Amino acid sequence: MYKTILLPHAGTPAGDEALKHAIYVSGKSSRIIILHIVEAVQYPPSFALSSSERNSLLKSIDEVNEEMRQDMEKKMEKYIQQCKENNIKSKVQVVIGDASEIILDTIEKEKVDLIVMSKRRKLKGVKKLLSLGSVSRKIVENTSCPILLIDVENK
């Protein structure tokens, strides 16, 4: 059975569906890491600003990024509750940064032995069979850990 299951969750219905699958495949000794990655507000070009204006702007952006991270951390708590209701150990990690890099780092650091994540269909016909989103593709191509991709149709 799987000891550590990583669930990248974007706070979407597709992520909710992936959580159901993670709970289903987990055992009594399993632990689910629910990972949410906040895409940071990027720093704009600031070469025309004075040093104090630039520092103030960058500080404001950092504060916004941290506020988004904290808000998502609170929203992710309901998923911890779902795991508790199913007698599964879990924890939430909300991180600011690049999704694929953070997922790959977490896989290594936490010794993940299964990834359960959703992907959304964006194409039709034969193309959809051959396509993965950029994050899904990077994860599949850069890890040897088993991956359960939940295909959720956009409606």
N, C-alpha and C. Protein backbone atom coordinates (compact mmCIF):
# COMPACT_ATOMS: atom_id res chain seq x y z
N MET A 1 0.83 -1.18 0.00
CA MET A 1 0.00 0.00 0.00
C MET A 1 0.88 1.25 0.00
N TYR A 2 0.29 2.36 -0.33
CA TYR A 2 1.03 3.62 -0.42
C TYR A 2 1.15 4.27 0.95
N LYS A 3 2.36 4.73 1.27
CA LYS A 3 2.58 5.40 2.56
C LYS A 3 2.33 6.89 2.46
N THR A 4 2.85 7.52 1.40
CA THR A 4 2.71 8.96 1.25
C THR A 4 2.14 9.27 -0.13
N ILE A 5 0.96 9.88 -0.13
CA ILE A 5 0.27 10.24 -1.36
C ILE A 5 0.29 11.75 -1.48
N LEU A 6 0.73 12.24 -2.62
CA LEU A 6 0.74 13.68 -2.88
C LEU A 6 -0.46 14.03 -3.74
N LEU A 7 -1.21 15.02 -3.26
CA LEU A 7 -2.40 15.49 -3.99
C LEU A 7 -2.24 16.98 -4.29
N PRO A 8 -1.72 17.33 -5.47
CA PRO A 8 -1.73 18.74 -5.87
C PRO A 8 -3.19 19.16 -6.09
N HIS A 9 -3.62 20.20 -5.40
CA HIS A 9 -5.03 20.61 -5.43
C HIS A 9 -5.11 22.11 -5.69
N ALA A 10 -5.79 22.48 -6.75
CA ALA A 10 -5.90 23.89 -7.13
C ALA A 10 -7.12 24.56 -6.51
N GLY A 11 -7.84 23.84 -5.64
CA GLY A 11 -9.04 24.42 -5.06
C GLY A 11 -10.21 24.37 -6.01
N THR A 12 -10.18 23.46 -6.96
CA THR A 12 -11.21 23.35 -8.00
C THR A 12 -12.01 22.06 -7.82
N PRO A 13 -13.17 21.95 -8.49
CA PRO A 13 -13.91 20.69 -8.46
C PRO A 13 -13.08 19.50 -8.98
N ALA A 14 -12.19 19.75 -9.92
CA ALA A 14 -11.32 18.68 -10.43
C ALA A 14 -10.41 18.18 -9.31
N GLY A 15 -9.89 19.09 -8.51
CA GLY A 15 -9.06 18.72 -7.36
C GLY A 15 -9.87 17.96 -6.32
N ASP A 16 -11.13 18.34 -6.15
CA ASP A 16 -12.02 17.62 -5.22
C ASP A 16 -12.20 16.17 -5.67
N GLU A 17 -12.33 15.99 -6.97
CA GLU A 17 -12.48 14.64 -7.52
C GLU A 17 -11.21 13.83 -7.30
N ALA A 18 -10.06 14.45 -7.48
CA ALA A 18 -8.78 13.78 -7.25
C ALA A 18 -8.65 13.39 -5.78
N LEU A 19 -9.12 14.24 -4.87
CA LEU A 19 -9.07 13.92 -3.44
C LEU A 19 -9.90 12.67 -3.13
N LYS A 20 -11.06 12.56 -3.75
CA LYS A 20 -11.88 11.35 -3.55
C LYS A 20 -11.10 10.10 -3.94
N HIS A 21 -10.39 10.16 -5.05
CA HIS A 21 -9.59 9.02 -5.50
C HIS A 21 -8.43 8.75 -4.54
N ALA A 22 -7.78 9.81 -4.07
CA ALA A 22 -6.66 9.64 -3.13
C ALA A 22 -7.15 8.97 -1.85
N ILE A 23 -8.29 9.38 -1.36
CA ILE A 23 -8.86 8.77 -0.16
C ILE A 23 -9.17 7.30 -0.42
N TYR A 24 -9.72 7.02 -1.59
CA TYR A 24 -10.10 5.65 -1.94
C TYR A 24 -8.90 4.71 -2.00
N VAL A 25 -7.78 5.17 -2.55
CA VAL A 25 -6.62 4.28 -2.70
C VAL A 25 -5.72 4.27 -1.46
N SER A 26 -5.98 5.15 -0.52
CA SER A 26 -5.11 5.19 0.66
C SER A 26 -5.48 4.07 1.63
N GLY A 27 -4.49 3.66 2.41
CA GLY A 27 -4.70 2.64 3.43
C GLY A 27 -4.63 3.26 4.81
N LYS A 28 -4.77 2.42 5.82
CA LYS A 28 -4.76 2.91 7.20
C LYS A 28 -3.44 3.55 7.59
N SER A 29 -2.35 3.12 6.96
CA SER A 29 -1.04 3.70 7.30
C SER A 29 -0.62 4.78 6.31
N SER A 30 -1.52 5.17 5.42
CA SER A 30 -1.21 6.20 4.43
C SER A 30 -1.34 7.59 5.02
N ARG A 31 -0.67 8.51 4.36
CA ARG A 31 -0.79 9.93 4.69
C ARG A 31 -0.92 10.67 3.38
N ILE A 32 -1.83 11.63 3.33
CA ILE A 32 -2.05 12.43 2.13
C ILE A 32 -1.52 13.83 2.37
N ILE A 33 -0.67 14.28 1.47
CA ILE A 33 -0.18 15.65 1.50
C ILE A 33 -0.99 16.42 0.46
N ILE A 34 -1.77 17.37 0.92
CA ILE A 34 -2.58 18.20 0.02
C ILE A 34 -1.76 19.46 -0.26
N LEU A 35 -1.34 19.60 -1.49
CA LEU A 35 -0.42 20.67 -1.88
C LEU A 35 -1.14 21.67 -2.79
N HIS A 36 -1.12 22.92 -2.37
CA HIS A 36 -1.65 23.99 -3.22
C HIS A 36 -0.53 24.96 -3.53
N ILE A 37 -0.38 25.29 -4.79
CA ILE A 37 0.65 26.23 -5.20
C ILE A 37 -0.01 27.53 -5.64
N VAL A 38 0.37 28.61 -5.00
CA VAL A 38 -0.12 29.93 -5.36
C VAL A 38 0.83 30.51 -6.41
N GLU A 39 0.27 30.91 -7.53
CA GLU A 39 1.09 31.57 -8.54
C GLU A 39 1.31 33.00 -8.09
N ALA A 40 2.53 33.36 -7.87
CA ALA A 40 2.88 34.67 -7.34
C ALA A 40 2.56 35.80 -8.30
N VAL A 41 2.12 36.92 -7.73
CA VAL A 41 2.02 38.14 -8.51
C VAL A 41 3.46 38.54 -8.84
N GLN A 42 3.73 38.71 -10.11
CA GLN A 42 5.10 38.98 -10.56
C GLN A 42 5.48 40.44 -10.33
N TYR A 43 6.76 40.67 -10.12
CA TYR A 43 7.27 42.03 -9.99
C TYR A 43 7.26 42.70 -11.35
N PRO A 44 6.70 43.90 -11.45
CA PRO A 44 6.74 44.61 -12.72
C PRO A 44 8.11 45.28 -12.91
N PRO A 45 8.43 45.69 -14.12
CA PRO A 45 9.67 46.45 -14.31
C PRO A 45 9.63 47.70 -13.44
N SER A 46 10.70 47.96 -12.74
CA SER A 46 10.69 49.11 -11.82
C SER A 46 11.92 49.98 -11.99
N PHE A 47 12.55 49.93 -13.14
CA PHE A 47 13.77 50.68 -13.36
C PHE A 47 13.56 52.20 -13.31
N ALA A 48 12.33 52.68 -13.54
CA ALA A 48 12.09 54.12 -13.55
C ALA A 48 11.74 54.66 -12.15
N LEU A 49 11.66 53.77 -11.16
CA LEU A 49 11.29 54.19 -9.81
C LEU A 49 12.52 54.49 -8.97
N SER A 50 12.32 55.33 -7.99
CA SER A 50 13.40 55.57 -7.03
C SER A 50 13.55 54.32 -6.17
N SER A 51 14.63 54.25 -5.44
CA SER A 51 14.90 53.10 -4.59
C SER A 51 13.80 52.88 -3.56
N SER A 52 13.35 53.94 -2.92
CA SER A 52 12.30 53.80 -1.89
C SER A 52 10.96 53.40 -2.51
N GLU A 53 10.64 53.96 -3.70
CA GLU A 53 9.39 53.58 -4.38
C GLU A 53 9.45 52.11 -4.80
N ARG A 54 10.59 51.71 -5.31
CA ARG A 54 10.77 50.31 -5.73
C ARG A 54 10.62 49.37 -4.53
N ASN A 55 11.28 49.69 -3.43
CA ASN A 55 11.19 48.84 -2.23
C ASN A 55 9.75 48.76 -1.71
N SER A 56 9.06 49.87 -1.74
CA SER A 56 7.67 49.91 -1.29
C SER A 56 6.78 49.04 -2.19
N LEU A 57 6.99 49.16 -3.49
CA LEU A 57 6.22 48.37 -4.45
C LEU A 57 6.47 46.87 -4.25
N LEU A 58 7.73 46.48 -4.14
CA LEU A 58 8.08 45.07 -3.97
C LEU A 58 7.53 44.53 -2.65
N LYS A 59 7.58 45.33 -1.61
CA LYS A 59 7.04 44.91 -0.32
C LYS A 59 5.53 44.68 -0.43
N SER A 60 4.83 45.58 -1.12
CA SER A 60 3.38 45.44 -1.30
C SER A 60 3.05 44.16 -2.07
N ILE A 61 3.81 43.86 -3.09
CA ILE A 61 3.57 42.64 -3.88
C ILE A 61 3.82 41.41 -3.01
N ASP A 62 4.91 41.42 -2.23
CA ASP A 62 5.19 40.30 -1.33
C ASP A 62 4.05 40.10 -0.33
N GLU A 63 3.50 41.20 0.17
CA GLU A 63 2.38 41.11 1.12
C GLU A 63 1.14 40.51 0.47
N VAL A 64 0.87 40.90 -0.78
CA VAL A 64 -0.27 40.33 -1.52
C VAL A 64 -0.07 38.83 -1.72
N ASN A 65 1.14 38.44 -2.13
CA ASN A 65 1.42 37.01 -2.33
C ASN A 65 1.21 36.23 -1.04
N GLU A 66 1.70 36.75 0.07
CA GLU A 66 1.55 36.07 1.34
C GLU A 66 0.09 36.01 1.78
N GLU A 67 -0.66 37.07 1.53
CA GLU A 67 -2.09 37.08 1.87
C GLU A 67 -2.83 36.01 1.07
N MET A 68 -2.51 35.87 -0.23
CA MET A 68 -3.14 34.83 -1.06
C MET A 68 -2.79 33.45 -0.51
N ARG A 69 -1.54 33.26 -0.10
CA ARG A 69 -1.11 31.97 0.44
C ARG A 69 -1.89 31.65 1.71
N GLN A 70 -2.02 32.61 2.60
CA GLN A 70 -2.74 32.38 3.86
C GLN A 70 -4.23 32.11 3.62
N ASP A 71 -4.84 32.83 2.67
CA ASP A 71 -6.25 32.59 2.34
C ASP A 71 -6.47 31.17 1.84
N MET A 72 -5.56 30.71 0.97
CA MET A 72 -5.70 29.36 0.43
C MET A 72 -5.45 28.31 1.51
N GLU A 73 -4.55 28.60 2.44
CA GLU A 73 -4.30 27.68 3.54
C GLU A 73 -5.58 27.44 4.35
N LYS A 74 -6.32 28.51 4.60
CA LYS A 74 -7.61 28.40 5.31
C LYS A 74 -8.62 27.60 4.50
N LYS A 75 -8.68 27.87 3.19
CA LYS A 75 -9.63 27.16 2.32
C LYS A 75 -9.31 25.67 2.22
N MET A 76 -8.04 25.32 2.30
CA MET A 76 -7.61 23.92 2.18
C MET A 76 -7.95 23.10 3.43
N GLU A 77 -8.25 23.75 4.53
CA GLU A 77 -8.54 23.03 5.78
C GLU A 77 -9.73 22.08 5.64
N LYS A 78 -10.69 22.41 4.78
CA LYS A 78 -11.85 21.53 4.62
C LYS A 78 -11.43 20.16 4.06
N TYR A 79 -10.33 20.13 3.32
CA TYR A 79 -9.86 18.86 2.77
C TYR A 79 -9.20 18.00 3.85
N ILE A 80 -8.58 18.65 4.81
CA ILE A 80 -8.04 17.93 5.97
C ILE A 80 -9.18 17.25 6.71
N GLN A 81 -10.27 17.98 6.84
CA GLN A 81 -11.45 17.43 7.54
C GLN A 81 -11.99 16.20 6.80
N GLN A 82 -12.02 16.25 5.48
CA GLN A 82 -12.48 15.10 4.70
C GLN A 82 -11.61 13.88 4.98
N CYS A 83 -10.32 14.10 5.05
CA CYS A 83 -9.40 12.99 5.34
C CYS A 83 -9.64 12.45 6.74
N LYS A 84 -9.81 13.34 7.72
CA LYS A 84 -10.08 12.91 9.11
C LYS A 84 -11.33 12.06 9.18
N GLU A 85 -12.36 12.46 8.45
CA GLU A 85 -13.62 11.71 8.44
C GLU A 85 -13.42 10.30 7.90
N ASN A 86 -12.37 10.11 7.10
CA ASN A 86 -12.06 8.80 6.53
C ASN A 86 -10.88 8.13 7.24
N ASN A 87 -10.53 8.65 8.42
CA ASN A 87 -9.44 8.10 9.24
C ASN A 87 -8.10 8.05 8.51
N ILE A 88 -7.81 9.11 7.77
CA ILE A 88 -6.56 9.19 7.01
C ILE A 88 -5.77 10.39 7.51
N LYS A 89 -4.50 10.16 7.80
CA LYS A 89 -3.62 11.26 8.20
C LYS A 89 -3.38 12.15 6.99
N SER A 90 -3.34 13.45 7.24
CA SER A 90 -3.11 14.37 6.13
C SER A 90 -2.51 15.67 6.65
N LYS A 91 -1.96 16.42 5.71
CA LYS A 91 -1.49 17.76 6.02
C LYS A 91 -1.61 18.60 4.77
N VAL A 92 -1.71 19.90 4.98
CA VAL A 92 -1.81 20.85 3.88
C VAL A 92 -0.51 21.63 3.79
N GLN A 93 -0.04 21.81 2.57
CA GLN A 93 1.09 22.69 2.30
C GLN A 93 0.65 23.68 1.24
N VAL A 94 0.75 24.95 1.54
CA VAL A 94 0.44 25.99 0.56
C VAL A 94 1.73 26.78 0.33
N VAL A 95 2.19 26.76 -0.92
CA VAL A 95 3.49 27.32 -1.26
C VAL A 95 3.33 28.29 -2.42
N ILE A 96 4.16 29.30 -2.44
CA ILE A 96 4.17 30.27 -3.54
C ILE A 96 5.29 29.88 -4.50
N GLY A 97 4.96 29.79 -5.80
CA GLY A 97 6.02 29.49 -6.76
C GLY A 97 5.53 28.80 -8.01
N ASP A 98 6.46 28.11 -8.67
CA ASP A 98 6.20 27.38 -9.91
C ASP A 98 5.66 25.99 -9.58
N ALA A 99 4.49 25.68 -10.10
CA ALA A 99 3.79 24.44 -9.74
C ALA A 99 4.62 23.18 -9.98
N SER A 100 5.13 23.01 -11.19
CA SER A 100 5.84 21.76 -11.48
C SER A 100 7.11 21.62 -10.64
N GLU A 101 7.84 22.71 -10.44
CA GLU A 101 9.05 22.64 -9.62
C GLU A 101 8.74 22.27 -8.17
N ILE A 102 7.71 22.88 -7.63
CA ILE A 102 7.34 22.61 -6.24
C ILE A 102 6.84 21.18 -6.08
N ILE A 103 6.05 20.72 -7.03
CA ILE A 103 5.55 19.33 -6.96
C ILE A 103 6.73 18.36 -7.00
N LEU A 104 7.65 18.57 -7.93
CA LEU A 104 8.80 17.68 -8.04
C LEU A 104 9.68 17.72 -6.79
N ASP A 105 9.87 18.90 -6.21
CA ASP A 105 10.62 19.02 -4.95
C ASP A 105 9.92 18.26 -3.83
N THR A 106 8.61 18.41 -3.75
CA THR A 106 7.84 17.76 -2.69
C THR A 106 7.90 16.24 -2.81
N ILE A 107 7.85 15.75 -4.03
CA ILE A 107 7.95 14.30 -4.27
C ILE A 107 9.24 13.77 -3.66
N GLU A 108 10.32 14.48 -3.91
CA GLU A 108 11.63 14.04 -3.41
C GLU A 108 11.74 14.21 -1.89
N LYS A 109 11.41 15.38 -1.39
CA LYS A 109 11.58 15.67 0.05
C LYS A 109 10.69 14.80 0.93
N GLU A 110 9.47 14.55 0.49
CA GLU A 110 8.50 13.82 1.31
C GLU A 110 8.48 12.31 1.02
N LYS A 111 9.35 11.88 0.11
CA LYS A 111 9.40 10.46 -0.28
C LYS A 111 8.02 9.94 -0.69
N VAL A 112 7.41 10.67 -1.60
CA VAL A 112 6.07 10.35 -2.10
C VAL A 112 6.13 9.06 -2.91
N ASP A 113 5.16 8.17 -2.68
CA ASP A 113 5.13 6.96 -3.49
C ASP A 113 3.89 6.84 -4.38
N LEU A 114 3.03 7.87 -4.38
CA LEU A 114 1.93 7.97 -5.33
C LEU A 114 1.51 9.43 -5.44
N ILE A 115 1.27 9.87 -6.67
CA ILE A 115 0.74 11.21 -6.92
C ILE A 115 -0.66 11.02 -7.50
N VAL A 116 -1.62 11.72 -6.93
CA VAL A 116 -2.97 11.72 -7.48
C VAL A 116 -3.27 13.16 -7.85
N MET A 117 -3.48 13.39 -9.14
CA MET A 117 -3.76 14.76 -9.57
C MET A 117 -4.74 14.76 -10.72
N SER A 118 -5.44 15.87 -10.84
CA SER A 118 -6.41 15.99 -11.92
C SER A 118 -5.77 16.66 -13.12
N LYS A 119 -6.35 16.36 -14.25
CA LYS A 119 -5.98 17.07 -15.47
C LYS A 119 -7.29 17.41 -16.15
N ARG A 120 -7.27 18.48 -16.88
CA ARG A 120 -8.48 18.89 -17.57
C ARG A 120 -8.31 18.73 -19.06
N ARG A 121 -9.35 18.24 -19.70
CA ARG A 121 -9.31 18.12 -21.15
C ARG A 121 -9.51 19.49 -21.75
N LYS A 122 -8.67 19.83 -22.68
CA LYS A 122 -8.81 21.11 -23.35
C LYS A 122 -9.00 20.94 -24.86
N LEU A 123 -8.71 19.73 -25.32
CA LEU A 123 -8.78 19.47 -26.75
C LEU A 123 -9.81 18.39 -27.03
N LYS A 124 -10.16 18.24 -28.28
CA LYS A 124 -11.12 17.21 -28.67
C LYS A 124 -10.46 16.23 -29.64
N GLY A 125 -11.11 15.07 -29.81
CA GLY A 125 -10.64 14.09 -30.77
C GLY A 125 -9.34 13.42 -30.36
N VAL A 126 -8.55 13.03 -31.37
CA VAL A 126 -7.30 12.32 -31.15
C VAL A 126 -6.31 13.16 -30.33
N LYS A 127 -6.33 14.46 -30.52
CA LYS A 127 -5.39 15.33 -29.80
C LYS A 127 -5.54 15.19 -28.29
N LYS A 128 -6.77 15.01 -27.80
CA LYS A 128 -6.95 14.92 -26.35
C LYS A 128 -6.33 13.65 -25.79
N LEU A 129 -6.23 12.62 -26.59
CA LEU A 129 -5.61 11.39 -26.13
C LEU A 129 -4.11 11.56 -25.94
N LEU A 130 -3.51 12.45 -26.70
CA LEU A 130 -2.07 12.62 -26.68
C LEU A 130 -1.62 13.82 -25.85
N SER A 131 -2.58 14.53 -25.29
CA SER A 131 -2.20 15.78 -24.64
C SER A 131 -2.29 15.71 -23.12
N LEU A 132 -1.38 16.40 -22.47
CA LEU A 132 -1.42 16.65 -21.04
C LEU A 132 -1.13 18.13 -20.87
N GLY A 133 -1.62 18.69 -19.78
CA GLY A 133 -1.29 20.07 -19.48
C GLY A 133 0.21 20.18 -19.19
N SER A 134 0.71 21.39 -19.19
CA SER A 134 2.15 21.57 -19.01
C SER A 134 2.64 21.06 -17.65
N VAL A 135 1.86 21.28 -16.58
CA VAL A 135 2.28 20.78 -15.27
C VAL A 135 2.23 19.26 -15.24
N SER A 136 1.12 18.68 -15.69
CA SER A 136 0.99 17.22 -15.72
C SER A 136 2.12 16.59 -16.53
N ARG A 137 2.39 17.18 -17.68
CA ARG A 137 3.44 16.64 -18.55
C ARG A 137 4.80 16.67 -17.86
N LYS A 138 5.15 17.78 -17.22
CA LYS A 138 6.44 17.88 -16.54
C LYS A 138 6.56 16.86 -15.42
N ILE A 139 5.47 16.63 -14.71
CA ILE A 139 5.50 15.68 -13.60
C ILE A 139 5.69 14.26 -14.16
N VAL A 140 4.90 13.92 -15.16
CA VAL A 140 5.00 12.59 -15.77
C VAL A 140 6.40 12.34 -16.33
N GLU A 141 6.97 13.34 -16.97
CA GLU A 141 8.27 13.18 -17.62
C GLU A 141 9.46 13.20 -16.65
N ASN A 142 9.27 13.75 -15.44
CA ASN A 142 10.41 13.97 -14.56
C ASN A 142 10.37 13.21 -13.24
N THR A 143 9.51 12.23 -13.13
CA THR A 143 9.50 11.43 -11.91
C THR A 143 9.24 9.97 -12.25
N SER A 144 9.75 9.10 -11.41
CA SER A 144 9.48 7.67 -11.61
C SER A 144 8.39 7.21 -10.66
N CYS A 145 7.87 8.11 -9.87
CA CYS A 145 6.80 7.81 -8.92
C CYS A 145 5.50 7.52 -9.69
N PRO A 146 4.72 6.53 -9.27
CA PRO A 146 3.44 6.28 -9.94
C PRO A 146 2.53 7.51 -9.85
N ILE A 147 1.78 7.75 -10.93
CA ILE A 147 0.87 8.90 -10.99
C ILE A 147 -0.51 8.43 -11.41
N LEU A 148 -1.50 8.83 -10.61
CA LEU A 148 -2.89 8.57 -10.97
C LEU A 148 -3.46 9.89 -11.46
N LEU A 149 -3.64 10.00 -12.78
CA LEU A 149 -4.19 11.23 -13.36
C LEU A 149 -5.69 11.08 -13.51
N ILE A 150 -6.42 11.96 -12.87
CA ILE A 150 -7.87 11.94 -12.94
C ILE A 150 -8.29 12.92 -14.04
N ASP A 151 -8.92 12.37 -15.07
CA ASP A 151 -9.33 13.19 -16.22
C ASP A 151 -10.72 13.73 -15.95
N VAL A 152 -10.81 15.03 -15.77
CA VAL A 152 -12.08 15.67 -15.47
C VAL A 152 -12.49 16.51 -16.66
N GLU A 153 -13.64 16.19 -17.20
CA GLU A 153 -14.18 16.91 -18.35
C GLU A 153 -14.66 18.28 -17.91
N ASN A 154 -14.25 19.34 -18.62
CA ASN A 154 -14.78 20.69 -18.35
C ASN A 154 -16.19 20.77 -18.89
N LYS A 155 -17.08 21.24 -18.06
CA LYS A 155 -18.49 21.37 -18.52
C LYS A 155 -18.95 22.77 -18.42
